[in-house]
Amino acid sequence: MANGLTPTSTRIIRAVKAELARRDKSGVNLTEALELSSNAIYERLRYEKPFNTDEIERIANYLGITVADLLRSAQLDWETAPAQPAIELAQTAEVAA
């Protein structure tokens, strides 16, 4: 588990980031929707903490999609990408070099 996150939590974070990008939004836009500080949002987007289920529901509502849509996006990531965030893959490559 990277940074204590499960592979599912990692994929959900990547799905949130992808759905934000598709809508030309950033983590800053989530602060009001989630009623969290920007630091709390970025802890999650930096793979330091997982989103909880209430936050996932609020993110989906903010994005105008269902929780199922967001989880499908995470499932697609599961089928097409490794479990580690890109930053970890880069760090692993640096260590191996």
Foldseek 3Di string as FASTA:
>chain_A
DPLPDDLLQLLLLVLLCVLCVVVVHDLVVCCVLQVHDSVVSVCSNVVNDGDDPVSLQSSCVVSVHGSVVSSVSSVVCVVPHDSDDPVVVVVVVVVVD
